[in-house]
N, C-alpha and C. Protein backbone atom coordinates (compact mmCIF):
# COMPACT_ATOMS: atom_id res chain seq x y z
N UNK A 1 1.31 19.84 -7.54
CA UNK A 1 2.61 19.20 -7.76
C UNK A 1 3.63 19.68 -6.73
N UNK A 2 3.56 20.97 -6.39
CA UNK A 2 4.49 21.49 -5.39
C UNK A 2 4.25 20.85 -4.04
N UNK A 3 2.97 20.64 -3.69
CA UNK A 3 2.64 20.04 -2.40
C UNK A 3 3.19 18.63 -2.28
N UNK A 4 3.37 17.94 -3.42
CA UNK A 4 3.89 16.58 -3.37
C UNK A 4 5.32 16.54 -2.86
N UNK A 5 6.02 17.68 -2.88
CA UNK A 5 7.37 17.73 -2.32
C UNK A 5 7.36 17.52 -0.81
N UNK A 6 6.18 17.70 -0.19
CA UNK A 6 6.09 17.48 1.25
C UNK A 6 6.48 16.05 1.62
N UNK A 7 6.12 15.09 0.76
CA UNK A 7 6.38 13.69 1.08
C UNK A 7 7.88 13.39 1.20
N UNK A 8 8.69 13.67 0.18
CA UNK A 8 10.14 13.42 0.36
C UNK A 8 10.76 14.27 1.45
N UNK A 9 10.21 15.47 1.70
CA UNK A 9 10.73 16.30 2.78
C UNK A 9 10.48 15.63 4.13
N UNK A 10 9.28 15.08 4.32
CA UNK A 10 8.97 14.37 5.57
C UNK A 10 9.87 13.15 5.72
N UNK A 11 10.09 12.43 4.62
CA UNK A 11 10.97 11.27 4.66
C UNK A 11 12.39 11.68 5.05
N UNK A 12 12.84 12.83 4.54
CA UNK A 12 14.16 13.34 4.89
C UNK A 12 14.26 13.70 6.36
N UNK A 13 13.20 14.28 6.90
CA UNK A 13 13.17 14.62 8.33
C UNK A 13 13.25 13.34 9.17
N UNK A 14 12.53 12.30 8.76
CA UNK A 14 12.58 11.03 9.48
C UNK A 14 13.98 10.42 9.42
N UNK A 15 14.65 10.55 8.27
CA UNK A 15 16.02 10.04 8.15
C UNK A 15 16.95 10.80 9.10
N UNK A 16 16.78 12.13 9.15
CA UNK A 16 17.61 12.93 10.05
C UNK A 16 17.33 12.57 11.51
N UNK A 17 16.07 12.36 11.84
CA UNK A 17 15.70 11.96 13.20
C UNK A 17 16.33 10.63 13.58
N UNK A 18 16.34 9.70 12.63
CA UNK A 18 16.96 8.39 12.88
C UNK A 18 18.46 8.54 13.15
N UNK A 19 19.14 9.30 12.31
CA UNK A 19 20.59 9.47 12.47
C UNK A 19 20.92 10.20 13.77
N UNK A 20 20.13 11.21 14.11
CA UNK A 20 20.39 11.95 15.35
C UNK A 20 20.18 11.06 16.57
N UNK A 21 19.16 10.22 16.52
CA UNK A 21 18.90 9.31 17.64
C UNK A 21 20.04 8.31 17.80
N UNK A 22 20.49 7.76 16.68
CA UNK A 22 21.61 6.80 16.74
C UNK A 22 22.90 7.48 17.19
N UNK A 23 23.11 8.72 16.74
CA UNK A 23 24.29 9.46 17.18
C UNK A 23 24.24 9.72 18.68
N UNK A 24 23.06 10.06 19.19
CA UNK A 24 22.90 10.28 20.62
C UNK A 24 23.24 9.01 21.41
N UNK A 25 22.74 7.87 20.95
CA UNK A 25 23.03 6.60 21.62
C UNK A 25 24.52 6.29 21.57
N UNK A 26 25.14 6.59 20.42
CA UNK A 26 26.56 6.31 20.25
C UNK A 26 27.42 7.18 21.16
N UNK A 27 27.12 8.47 21.21
CA UNK A 27 27.95 9.39 22.00
C UNK A 27 27.66 9.28 23.50
N UNK A 28 26.42 8.93 23.85
CA UNK A 28 26.06 8.84 25.26
C UNK A 28 26.48 7.50 25.86
N UNK A 29 26.36 6.44 25.06
CA UNK A 29 26.68 5.10 25.56
C UNK A 29 27.88 4.55 24.78
N UNK A 30 27.66 3.61 23.87
CA UNK A 30 28.76 3.05 23.09
C UNK A 30 28.21 2.40 21.83
N UNK A 31 29.12 1.82 21.03
CA UNK A 31 28.72 1.17 19.77
C UNK A 31 27.71 0.06 20.00
N UNK A 32 27.93 -0.73 21.05
CA UNK A 32 27.06 -1.89 21.28
C UNK A 32 25.63 -1.47 21.58
N UNK A 33 25.47 -0.46 22.40
CA UNK A 33 24.12 0.02 22.72
C UNK A 33 23.45 0.59 21.47
N UNK A 34 24.20 1.38 20.70
CA UNK A 34 23.66 1.95 19.46
C UNK A 34 23.25 0.84 18.49
N UNK A 35 24.09 -0.19 18.40
CA UNK A 35 23.80 -1.30 17.48
C UNK A 35 22.58 -2.09 17.95
N UNK A 36 22.53 -2.38 19.25
CA UNK A 36 21.41 -3.16 19.79
C UNK A 36 20.09 -2.39 19.70
N UNK A 37 20.14 -1.08 19.88
CA UNK A 37 18.93 -0.27 19.86
C UNK A 37 18.53 0.15 18.44
N UNK A 38 19.43 -0.09 17.48
CA UNK A 38 19.17 0.37 16.11
C UNK A 38 17.86 -0.14 15.54
N UNK A 39 17.61 -1.42 15.74
CA UNK A 39 16.37 -2.00 15.21
C UNK A 39 15.13 -1.38 15.82
N UNK A 40 15.19 -1.14 17.13
CA UNK A 40 14.05 -0.53 17.83
C UNK A 40 13.82 0.89 17.33
N UNK A 41 14.92 1.62 17.11
CA UNK A 41 14.81 2.99 16.59
C UNK A 41 14.15 2.98 15.21
N UNK A 42 14.59 2.08 14.34
CA UNK A 42 14.02 2.01 12.99
C UNK A 42 12.55 1.62 13.04
N UNK A 43 12.19 0.71 13.93
CA UNK A 43 10.78 0.33 14.04
C UNK A 43 9.94 1.51 14.53
N UNK A 44 10.47 2.26 15.49
CA UNK A 44 9.73 3.42 16.01
C UNK A 44 9.53 4.48 14.94
N UNK A 45 10.58 4.73 14.15
CA UNK A 45 10.46 5.71 13.06
C UNK A 45 9.49 5.19 12.00
N UNK A 46 9.53 3.89 11.74
CA UNK A 46 8.60 3.30 10.78
C UNK A 46 7.15 3.48 11.19
N UNK A 47 6.88 3.29 12.48
CA UNK A 47 5.51 3.48 12.98
C UNK A 47 5.09 4.95 12.83
N UNK A 48 6.02 5.86 13.09
CA UNK A 48 5.73 7.28 12.90
C UNK A 48 5.41 7.58 11.43
N UNK A 49 6.20 7.01 10.53
CA UNK A 49 5.98 7.22 9.09
C UNK A 49 4.61 6.71 8.68
N UNK A 50 4.23 5.54 9.19
CA UNK A 50 2.93 4.96 8.86
C UNK A 50 1.81 5.83 9.41
N UNK A 51 1.97 6.32 10.64
CA UNK A 51 0.94 7.16 11.25
C UNK A 51 0.76 8.46 10.47
N UNK A 52 1.86 9.08 10.05
CA UNK A 52 1.78 10.31 9.27
C UNK A 52 1.05 10.06 7.95
N UNK A 53 1.36 8.94 7.31
CA UNK A 53 0.74 8.61 6.03
C UNK A 53 -0.76 8.37 6.19
N UNK A 54 -1.15 7.66 7.24
CA UNK A 54 -2.58 7.42 7.50
C UNK A 54 -3.30 8.74 7.72
N UNK A 55 -2.71 9.63 8.50
CA UNK A 55 -3.33 10.94 8.75
C UNK A 55 -3.49 11.71 7.44
N UNK A 56 -2.45 11.72 6.60
CA UNK A 56 -2.52 12.43 5.32
C UNK A 56 -3.59 11.84 4.42
N UNK A 57 -3.71 10.51 4.44
CA UNK A 57 -4.72 9.87 3.60
C UNK A 57 -6.11 10.32 3.99
N UNK A 58 -6.39 10.31 5.29
CA UNK A 58 -7.73 10.68 5.74
C UNK A 58 -7.98 12.17 5.60
N UNK A 59 -6.95 13.00 5.75
CA UNK A 59 -7.11 14.43 5.54
C UNK A 59 -7.36 14.77 4.07
N UNK A 60 -6.66 14.08 3.18
CA UNK A 60 -6.73 14.40 1.75
C UNK A 60 -8.00 13.87 1.08
N UNK A 61 -8.31 12.60 1.28
CA UNK A 61 -9.41 11.99 0.52
C UNK A 61 -10.45 11.30 1.39
N UNK A 62 -10.19 11.12 2.67
CA UNK A 62 -11.14 10.39 3.49
C UNK A 62 -11.24 8.94 3.04
N UNK A 63 -12.45 8.49 2.76
CA UNK A 63 -12.67 7.11 2.31
C UNK A 63 -12.91 7.09 0.80
N UNK A 64 -12.13 6.27 0.09
CA UNK A 64 -12.35 6.12 -1.35
C UNK A 64 -13.68 5.42 -1.62
N UNK A 65 -14.37 5.88 -2.65
CA UNK A 65 -15.63 5.28 -3.05
C UNK A 65 -15.65 5.06 -4.56
N UNK A 66 -16.44 4.10 -5.01
CA UNK A 66 -16.60 3.88 -6.44
C UNK A 66 -17.21 5.13 -7.06
N UNK A 67 -16.51 5.75 -7.99
CA UNK A 67 -16.97 7.01 -8.57
C UNK A 67 -16.13 7.38 -9.78
N UNK A 68 -16.56 8.41 -10.48
CA UNK A 68 -15.80 9.01 -11.59
C UNK A 68 -15.44 10.44 -11.20
N UNK A 69 -14.19 10.83 -11.49
CA UNK A 69 -13.73 12.18 -11.16
C UNK A 69 -13.04 12.78 -12.37
N UNK A 70 -13.32 14.06 -12.70
CA UNK A 70 -12.58 14.71 -13.79
C UNK A 70 -11.09 14.74 -13.49
N UNK A 71 -10.29 14.64 -14.56
CA UNK A 71 -8.84 14.64 -14.38
C UNK A 71 -8.38 15.88 -13.63
N UNK A 72 -8.88 17.06 -14.03
CA UNK A 72 -8.47 18.30 -13.39
C UNK A 72 -9.46 18.63 -12.28
N UNK A 73 -9.32 17.95 -11.16
CA UNK A 73 -10.22 18.17 -10.03
C UNK A 73 -9.45 18.05 -8.72
N UNK A 74 -9.94 18.71 -7.66
CA UNK A 74 -9.24 18.63 -6.36
C UNK A 74 -9.08 17.20 -5.86
N UNK A 75 -10.08 16.33 -6.14
CA UNK A 75 -9.96 14.95 -5.65
C UNK A 75 -8.73 14.28 -6.24
N UNK A 76 -8.52 14.41 -7.54
CA UNK A 76 -7.38 13.75 -8.19
C UNK A 76 -6.07 14.31 -7.65
N UNK A 77 -6.01 15.62 -7.48
CA UNK A 77 -4.78 16.22 -6.96
C UNK A 77 -4.49 15.75 -5.54
N UNK A 78 -5.52 15.75 -4.68
CA UNK A 78 -5.32 15.32 -3.30
C UNK A 78 -5.03 13.82 -3.21
N UNK A 79 -5.62 13.05 -4.12
CA UNK A 79 -5.34 11.61 -4.15
C UNK A 79 -3.88 11.35 -4.53
N UNK A 80 -3.37 12.15 -5.47
CA UNK A 80 -1.95 12.04 -5.83
C UNK A 80 -1.06 12.43 -4.66
N UNK A 81 -1.49 13.42 -3.88
CA UNK A 81 -0.69 13.85 -2.73
C UNK A 81 -0.60 12.75 -1.68
N UNK A 82 -1.75 12.14 -1.34
CA UNK A 82 -1.70 11.07 -0.34
C UNK A 82 -0.93 9.86 -0.86
N UNK A 83 -1.00 9.62 -2.17
CA UNK A 83 -0.24 8.51 -2.75
C UNK A 83 1.26 8.78 -2.68
N UNK A 84 1.64 10.05 -2.80
CA UNK A 84 3.06 10.41 -2.67
C UNK A 84 3.57 10.07 -1.27
N UNK A 85 2.73 10.25 -0.26
CA UNK A 85 3.13 9.89 1.10
C UNK A 85 3.25 8.37 1.26
N UNK A 86 2.36 7.63 0.60
CA UNK A 86 2.48 6.17 0.66
C UNK A 86 3.80 5.73 0.04
N UNK A 87 4.13 6.29 -1.13
CA UNK A 87 5.33 5.87 -1.86
C UNK A 87 6.62 6.34 -1.19
N UNK A 88 6.63 7.59 -0.68
CA UNK A 88 7.89 8.18 -0.21
C UNK A 88 8.09 8.13 1.30
N UNK A 89 7.00 7.99 2.06
CA UNK A 89 7.12 8.00 3.52
C UNK A 89 6.83 6.61 4.10
N UNK A 90 5.60 6.13 3.93
CA UNK A 90 5.26 4.81 4.49
C UNK A 90 6.01 3.69 3.77
N UNK A 91 6.19 3.83 2.46
CA UNK A 91 6.85 2.77 1.68
C UNK A 91 8.21 2.37 2.21
N UNK A 92 9.20 3.28 2.17
CA UNK A 92 10.56 2.89 2.59
C UNK A 92 10.71 2.67 4.09
N UNK A 93 9.89 3.33 4.90
CA UNK A 93 10.09 3.27 6.36
C UNK A 93 9.27 2.18 7.04
N UNK A 94 8.15 1.75 6.41
CA UNK A 94 7.30 0.78 7.08
C UNK A 94 6.84 -0.35 6.16
N UNK A 95 6.29 -0.03 5.02
CA UNK A 95 5.65 -1.04 4.19
C UNK A 95 6.65 -2.04 3.60
N UNK A 96 7.72 -1.55 2.98
CA UNK A 96 8.71 -2.46 2.36
C UNK A 96 9.39 -3.35 3.40
N UNK A 97 9.83 -2.81 4.55
CA UNK A 97 10.45 -3.70 5.54
C UNK A 97 9.50 -4.77 6.09
N UNK A 98 8.19 -4.56 5.94
CA UNK A 98 7.22 -5.49 6.51
C UNK A 98 6.48 -6.32 5.46
N UNK A 99 6.99 -6.37 4.23
CA UNK A 99 6.33 -7.16 3.19
C UNK A 99 6.19 -8.62 3.63
N UNK A 100 5.01 -9.18 3.43
CA UNK A 100 4.78 -10.58 3.77
C UNK A 100 4.55 -10.84 5.25
N UNK A 101 4.34 -9.79 6.03
CA UNK A 101 4.11 -9.97 7.47
C UNK A 101 2.74 -9.43 7.86
N UNK A 102 2.33 -9.77 9.06
CA UNK A 102 1.07 -9.25 9.57
C UNK A 102 1.09 -7.75 9.75
N UNK A 103 2.28 -7.17 9.98
CA UNK A 103 2.37 -5.72 10.14
C UNK A 103 2.03 -4.99 8.85
N UNK A 104 2.39 -5.58 7.70
CA UNK A 104 2.01 -4.97 6.42
C UNK A 104 0.49 -4.95 6.30
N UNK A 105 -0.14 -6.08 6.63
CA UNK A 105 -1.61 -6.14 6.59
C UNK A 105 -2.21 -5.08 7.50
N UNK A 106 -1.63 -4.93 8.68
CA UNK A 106 -2.12 -3.93 9.62
C UNK A 106 -2.00 -2.52 9.04
N UNK A 107 -0.85 -2.23 8.42
CA UNK A 107 -0.65 -0.91 7.82
C UNK A 107 -1.63 -0.63 6.70
N UNK A 108 -1.85 -1.62 5.83
CA UNK A 108 -2.80 -1.45 4.73
C UNK A 108 -4.22 -1.30 5.26
N UNK A 109 -4.55 -2.04 6.31
CA UNK A 109 -5.88 -1.90 6.93
C UNK A 109 -6.07 -0.51 7.52
N UNK A 110 -5.00 0.04 8.11
CA UNK A 110 -5.08 1.39 8.66
C UNK A 110 -5.34 2.42 7.55
N UNK A 111 -4.89 2.10 6.34
CA UNK A 111 -5.15 2.97 5.19
C UNK A 111 -6.52 2.71 4.57
N UNK A 112 -7.22 1.68 5.05
CA UNK A 112 -8.57 1.43 4.57
C UNK A 112 -8.79 0.16 3.80
N UNK A 113 -7.73 -0.61 3.53
CA UNK A 113 -7.88 -1.85 2.77
C UNK A 113 -8.61 -2.91 3.60
N UNK A 114 -9.35 -3.76 2.92
CA UNK A 114 -10.07 -4.86 3.58
C UNK A 114 -9.26 -6.14 3.38
N UNK A 115 -8.59 -6.60 4.41
CA UNK A 115 -7.71 -7.76 4.32
C UNK A 115 -8.16 -8.79 5.34
N UNK A 116 -8.46 -9.99 4.86
CA UNK A 116 -8.97 -11.05 5.72
C UNK A 116 -7.88 -11.73 6.53
N UNK A 117 -8.32 -12.50 7.48
CA UNK A 117 -7.41 -13.21 8.38
C UNK A 117 -6.57 -14.22 7.59
N UNK A 118 -5.27 -14.23 7.87
CA UNK A 118 -4.38 -15.19 7.24
C UNK A 118 -4.00 -14.88 5.81
N UNK A 119 -4.35 -13.70 5.32
CA UNK A 119 -3.95 -13.32 3.95
C UNK A 119 -2.44 -13.06 3.91
N UNK A 120 -1.82 -13.50 2.82
CA UNK A 120 -0.38 -13.30 2.63
C UNK A 120 -0.20 -12.22 1.57
N UNK A 121 0.33 -11.06 1.97
CA UNK A 121 0.44 -9.91 1.07
C UNK A 121 1.90 -9.48 0.99
N UNK A 122 2.46 -9.48 -0.22
CA UNK A 122 3.85 -9.07 -0.41
C UNK A 122 3.96 -7.86 -1.34
N UNK A 123 2.92 -7.05 -1.39
CA UNK A 123 2.94 -5.83 -2.19
C UNK A 123 2.14 -4.76 -1.46
N UNK A 124 2.55 -3.52 -1.62
CA UNK A 124 1.76 -2.44 -1.02
C UNK A 124 1.14 -1.54 -2.09
N UNK A 125 1.15 -2.01 -3.35
CA UNK A 125 0.59 -1.20 -4.44
C UNK A 125 -0.92 -1.38 -4.50
N UNK A 126 -1.58 -0.73 -3.55
CA UNK A 126 -3.04 -0.71 -3.46
C UNK A 126 -3.45 0.77 -3.55
N UNK A 127 -3.52 1.34 -4.75
CA UNK A 127 -3.66 2.80 -4.89
C UNK A 127 -4.81 3.42 -4.10
N UNK A 128 -6.03 2.88 -4.24
CA UNK A 128 -7.18 3.38 -3.48
C UNK A 128 -7.58 2.27 -2.51
N UNK A 129 -6.99 2.31 -1.34
CA UNK A 129 -7.04 1.17 -0.42
C UNK A 129 -8.46 0.76 -0.03
N UNK A 130 -9.35 1.71 0.12
CA UNK A 130 -10.72 1.37 0.55
C UNK A 130 -11.45 0.49 -0.45
N UNK A 131 -10.98 0.47 -1.69
CA UNK A 131 -11.65 -0.30 -2.74
C UNK A 131 -10.99 -1.66 -2.95
N UNK A 132 -10.02 -2.02 -2.10
CA UNK A 132 -9.29 -3.28 -2.24
C UNK A 132 -9.80 -4.30 -1.23
N UNK A 133 -10.18 -5.47 -1.73
CA UNK A 133 -10.70 -6.54 -0.87
C UNK A 133 -9.84 -7.79 -1.06
N UNK A 134 -9.17 -8.20 -0.01
CA UNK A 134 -8.35 -9.41 -0.03
C UNK A 134 -8.94 -10.35 1.01
N UNK A 135 -9.46 -11.50 0.56
CA UNK A 135 -10.18 -12.40 1.44
C UNK A 135 -9.27 -13.20 2.37
N UNK A 136 -9.87 -13.89 3.33
CA UNK A 136 -9.10 -14.74 4.25
C UNK A 136 -8.29 -15.79 3.50
N UNK A 137 -7.02 -15.92 3.86
CA UNK A 137 -6.18 -16.94 3.24
C UNK A 137 -5.79 -16.66 1.81
N UNK A 138 -6.09 -15.48 1.30
CA UNK A 138 -5.72 -15.13 -0.08
C UNK A 138 -4.23 -14.77 -0.14
N UNK A 139 -3.68 -14.78 -1.36
CA UNK A 139 -2.26 -14.47 -1.56
C UNK A 139 -2.11 -13.37 -2.59
N UNK A 140 -1.34 -12.35 -2.25
CA UNK A 140 -0.99 -11.28 -3.18
C UNK A 140 0.54 -11.27 -3.26
N UNK A 141 1.07 -11.66 -4.41
CA UNK A 141 2.51 -11.84 -4.56
C UNK A 141 3.29 -10.54 -4.68
N UNK A 142 4.62 -10.64 -4.65
CA UNK A 142 5.47 -9.44 -4.77
C UNK A 142 5.31 -8.78 -6.13
N UNK A 143 5.34 -7.46 -6.13
CA UNK A 143 5.23 -6.71 -7.38
C UNK A 143 3.84 -6.62 -7.95
N UNK A 144 2.85 -7.15 -7.24
CA UNK A 144 1.47 -7.12 -7.73
C UNK A 144 0.90 -5.70 -7.58
N UNK A 145 0.09 -5.30 -8.56
CA UNK A 145 -0.61 -4.02 -8.49
C UNK A 145 -2.11 -4.29 -8.47
N UNK A 146 -2.75 -3.90 -7.38
CA UNK A 146 -4.21 -3.99 -7.29
C UNK A 146 -4.73 -2.63 -7.75
N UNK A 147 -4.95 -2.52 -9.05
CA UNK A 147 -5.20 -1.23 -9.71
C UNK A 147 -6.68 -0.88 -9.65
N UNK A 148 -7.03 0.03 -8.76
CA UNK A 148 -8.44 0.37 -8.55
C UNK A 148 -8.89 1.61 -9.31
N UNK A 149 -8.03 2.18 -10.15
CA UNK A 149 -8.45 3.32 -10.96
C UNK A 149 -7.87 3.23 -12.37
N UNK A 150 -8.56 3.81 -13.30
CA UNK A 150 -8.09 3.97 -14.67
C UNK A 150 -8.49 5.36 -15.16
N UNK A 151 -7.65 5.93 -16.03
CA UNK A 151 -7.97 7.21 -16.66
C UNK A 151 -8.41 6.95 -18.10
N UNK A 152 -9.54 7.51 -18.48
CA UNK A 152 -10.02 7.40 -19.85
C UNK A 152 -10.79 8.67 -20.19
N UNK A 153 -10.43 9.29 -21.33
CA UNK A 153 -11.08 10.53 -21.77
C UNK A 153 -11.07 11.58 -20.66
N UNK A 154 -9.91 11.71 -20.01
CA UNK A 154 -9.70 12.72 -18.95
C UNK A 154 -10.65 12.54 -17.77
N UNK A 155 -11.02 11.30 -17.51
CA UNK A 155 -11.86 10.97 -16.36
C UNK A 155 -11.18 9.85 -15.57
N UNK A 156 -11.09 10.02 -14.25
CA UNK A 156 -10.54 9.00 -13.37
C UNK A 156 -11.71 8.16 -12.84
N UNK A 157 -11.74 6.89 -13.22
CA UNK A 157 -12.80 5.99 -12.78
C UNK A 157 -12.27 5.07 -11.68
N UNK A 158 -12.99 5.04 -10.56
CA UNK A 158 -12.61 4.20 -9.43
C UNK A 158 -13.61 3.05 -9.28
N UNK A 159 -13.08 1.85 -9.03
CA UNK A 159 -13.94 0.71 -8.77
C UNK A 159 -13.18 -0.29 -7.91
N UNK A 160 -13.91 -1.24 -7.36
CA UNK A 160 -13.32 -2.21 -6.44
C UNK A 160 -12.53 -3.29 -7.18
N UNK A 161 -11.59 -3.90 -6.48
CA UNK A 161 -10.91 -5.11 -6.92
C UNK A 161 -11.02 -6.10 -5.77
N UNK A 162 -11.51 -7.32 -6.07
CA UNK A 162 -11.72 -8.33 -5.04
C UNK A 162 -10.87 -9.57 -5.32
N UNK A 163 -10.09 -9.97 -4.34
CA UNK A 163 -9.36 -11.23 -4.38
C UNK A 163 -9.97 -12.07 -3.27
N UNK A 164 -10.84 -13.00 -3.64
CA UNK A 164 -11.67 -13.71 -2.67
C UNK A 164 -10.86 -14.68 -1.81
N UNK A 165 -11.53 -15.30 -0.87
CA UNK A 165 -10.88 -16.21 0.08
C UNK A 165 -10.10 -17.31 -0.63
N UNK A 166 -8.85 -17.46 -0.26
CA UNK A 166 -8.01 -18.52 -0.82
C UNK A 166 -7.53 -18.29 -2.23
N UNK A 167 -7.88 -17.17 -2.84
CA UNK A 167 -7.45 -16.88 -4.21
C UNK A 167 -6.00 -16.38 -4.22
N UNK A 168 -5.36 -16.47 -5.39
CA UNK A 168 -3.97 -16.05 -5.53
C UNK A 168 -3.81 -15.13 -6.73
N UNK A 169 -3.17 -13.99 -6.50
CA UNK A 169 -2.75 -13.09 -7.56
C UNK A 169 -1.23 -13.12 -7.51
N UNK A 170 -0.63 -13.87 -8.44
CA UNK A 170 0.80 -14.20 -8.33
C UNK A 170 1.70 -13.03 -8.74
N UNK A 171 2.99 -13.25 -8.56
CA UNK A 171 4.03 -12.23 -8.70
C UNK A 171 3.86 -11.37 -9.96
N UNK A 172 3.99 -10.05 -9.76
CA UNK A 172 4.03 -9.07 -10.85
C UNK A 172 2.81 -9.11 -11.76
N UNK A 173 1.67 -9.48 -11.19
CA UNK A 173 0.42 -9.44 -11.93
C UNK A 173 -0.31 -8.13 -11.62
N UNK A 174 -1.30 -7.82 -12.44
CA UNK A 174 -2.09 -6.60 -12.27
C UNK A 174 -3.56 -6.96 -12.38
N UNK A 175 -4.36 -6.45 -11.46
CA UNK A 175 -5.81 -6.60 -11.53
C UNK A 175 -6.41 -5.21 -11.71
N UNK A 176 -7.18 -5.01 -12.78
CA UNK A 176 -7.76 -3.71 -13.08
C UNK A 176 -9.10 -3.53 -12.38
N UNK A 177 -9.63 -2.29 -12.36
CA UNK A 177 -10.86 -2.02 -11.62
C UNK A 177 -12.02 -2.94 -11.98
N UNK A 178 -12.84 -3.25 -10.98
CA UNK A 178 -14.03 -4.10 -11.09
C UNK A 178 -13.68 -5.56 -11.33
N UNK A 179 -12.39 -5.93 -11.23
CA UNK A 179 -12.01 -7.34 -11.36
C UNK A 179 -12.41 -8.10 -10.11
N UNK A 180 -12.81 -9.35 -10.30
CA UNK A 180 -13.23 -10.20 -9.18
C UNK A 180 -12.59 -11.58 -9.38
N UNK A 181 -11.67 -11.91 -8.50
CA UNK A 181 -11.01 -13.22 -8.55
C UNK A 181 -11.68 -14.08 -7.49
N UNK A 182 -12.45 -15.04 -7.94
CA UNK A 182 -13.33 -15.79 -7.03
C UNK A 182 -12.55 -16.78 -6.16
N UNK A 183 -13.25 -17.42 -5.26
CA UNK A 183 -12.67 -18.28 -4.24
C UNK A 183 -11.69 -19.30 -4.80
N UNK A 184 -10.49 -19.32 -4.25
CA UNK A 184 -9.44 -20.30 -4.58
C UNK A 184 -9.02 -20.30 -6.04
N UNK A 185 -9.34 -19.25 -6.78
CA UNK A 185 -8.83 -19.13 -8.15
C UNK A 185 -7.38 -18.65 -8.10
N UNK A 186 -6.61 -18.98 -9.14
CA UNK A 186 -5.20 -18.60 -9.19
C UNK A 186 -4.91 -17.86 -10.48
N UNK A 187 -4.30 -16.70 -10.35
CA UNK A 187 -3.80 -15.94 -11.50
C UNK A 187 -2.29 -16.08 -11.48
N UNK A 188 -1.72 -16.66 -12.55
CA UNK A 188 -0.29 -16.92 -12.61
C UNK A 188 0.54 -15.66 -12.69
N UNK A 189 1.87 -15.80 -12.52
CA UNK A 189 2.77 -14.64 -12.51
C UNK A 189 2.71 -13.84 -13.82
N UNK A 190 2.87 -12.53 -13.70
CA UNK A 190 2.96 -11.66 -14.86
C UNK A 190 1.70 -11.58 -15.68
N UNK A 191 0.56 -11.77 -15.06
CA UNK A 191 -0.72 -11.78 -15.79
C UNK A 191 -1.49 -10.49 -15.56
N UNK A 192 -2.47 -10.25 -16.42
CA UNK A 192 -3.31 -9.07 -16.33
C UNK A 192 -4.77 -9.50 -16.27
N UNK A 193 -5.43 -9.14 -15.18
CA UNK A 193 -6.87 -9.36 -15.06
C UNK A 193 -7.55 -8.09 -15.55
N UNK A 194 -8.27 -8.19 -16.65
CA UNK A 194 -8.82 -7.01 -17.31
C UNK A 194 -9.94 -6.39 -16.49
N UNK A 195 -10.28 -5.18 -16.86
CA UNK A 195 -11.33 -4.43 -16.18
C UNK A 195 -12.66 -5.19 -16.24
N UNK A 196 -13.25 -5.40 -15.08
CA UNK A 196 -14.55 -6.06 -15.02
C UNK A 196 -14.52 -7.56 -15.17
N UNK A 197 -13.33 -8.16 -15.33
CA UNK A 197 -13.25 -9.62 -15.46
C UNK A 197 -13.67 -10.30 -14.17
N UNK A 198 -14.38 -11.42 -14.31
CA UNK A 198 -14.71 -12.26 -13.16
C UNK A 198 -14.06 -13.61 -13.39
N UNK A 199 -13.09 -13.94 -12.54
CA UNK A 199 -12.35 -15.20 -12.68
C UNK A 199 -13.10 -16.27 -11.87
N UNK A 200 -13.51 -17.37 -12.50
CA UNK A 200 -14.31 -18.39 -11.80
C UNK A 200 -13.53 -19.02 -10.64
N UNK A 201 -14.29 -19.46 -9.66
CA UNK A 201 -13.71 -20.11 -8.50
C UNK A 201 -13.00 -21.40 -8.88
N UNK A 202 -11.92 -21.73 -8.17
CA UNK A 202 -11.20 -23.01 -8.31
C UNK A 202 -10.66 -23.21 -9.72
N UNK A 203 -10.27 -22.13 -10.41
CA UNK A 203 -9.67 -22.27 -11.74
C UNK A 203 -8.30 -21.59 -11.72
N UNK A 204 -7.49 -21.89 -12.74
CA UNK A 204 -6.14 -21.32 -12.83
C UNK A 204 -5.97 -20.66 -14.19
N UNK A 205 -5.43 -19.45 -14.20
CA UNK A 205 -5.27 -18.70 -15.45
C UNK A 205 -3.88 -18.08 -15.50
N UNK A 206 -3.35 -17.96 -16.70
CA UNK A 206 -2.04 -17.34 -16.90
C UNK A 206 -2.16 -16.33 -18.03
């Protein structure tokens, strides 16, 4: 739990770096240069935040695999640590500003998610990224949680979640582990795909 403080501390350092860079531009040049360069500075810091998060993910857990882990185990603790970096470092500096863009897909892929060409993703809640499969042309709406783990009887169970080609998981929906949303199927907003559910292709559910 103490190690999780590293994530907000790193985010604070990035904020300080951003302000110092903008102050340097302001004092060395003028308001216009600082304003014009502001976007570039934020993008550069965002890329740094994403890179740090990717490094922490691979250092902490490597590649996620379908498995069961005891609640009180190093894997669970390290997985929580890397998730803290996703939420506190990559989230505000890179993932949220890039929701619905190809850069978000790139960031999630760098964390291990499998995202097909032309997929539209407006959420970064992919807890165990290596177990997340989003097919070509699929849609993941805002606020969606692709939930690849569940805790039961003090055991953390990990399994894949698949959103096949052209399928849609609409706004604020949740897909639980081992769920499979088949080709061009649609899950309406605010819905829950239960653990192990297989949604038939070309159907719509709410």
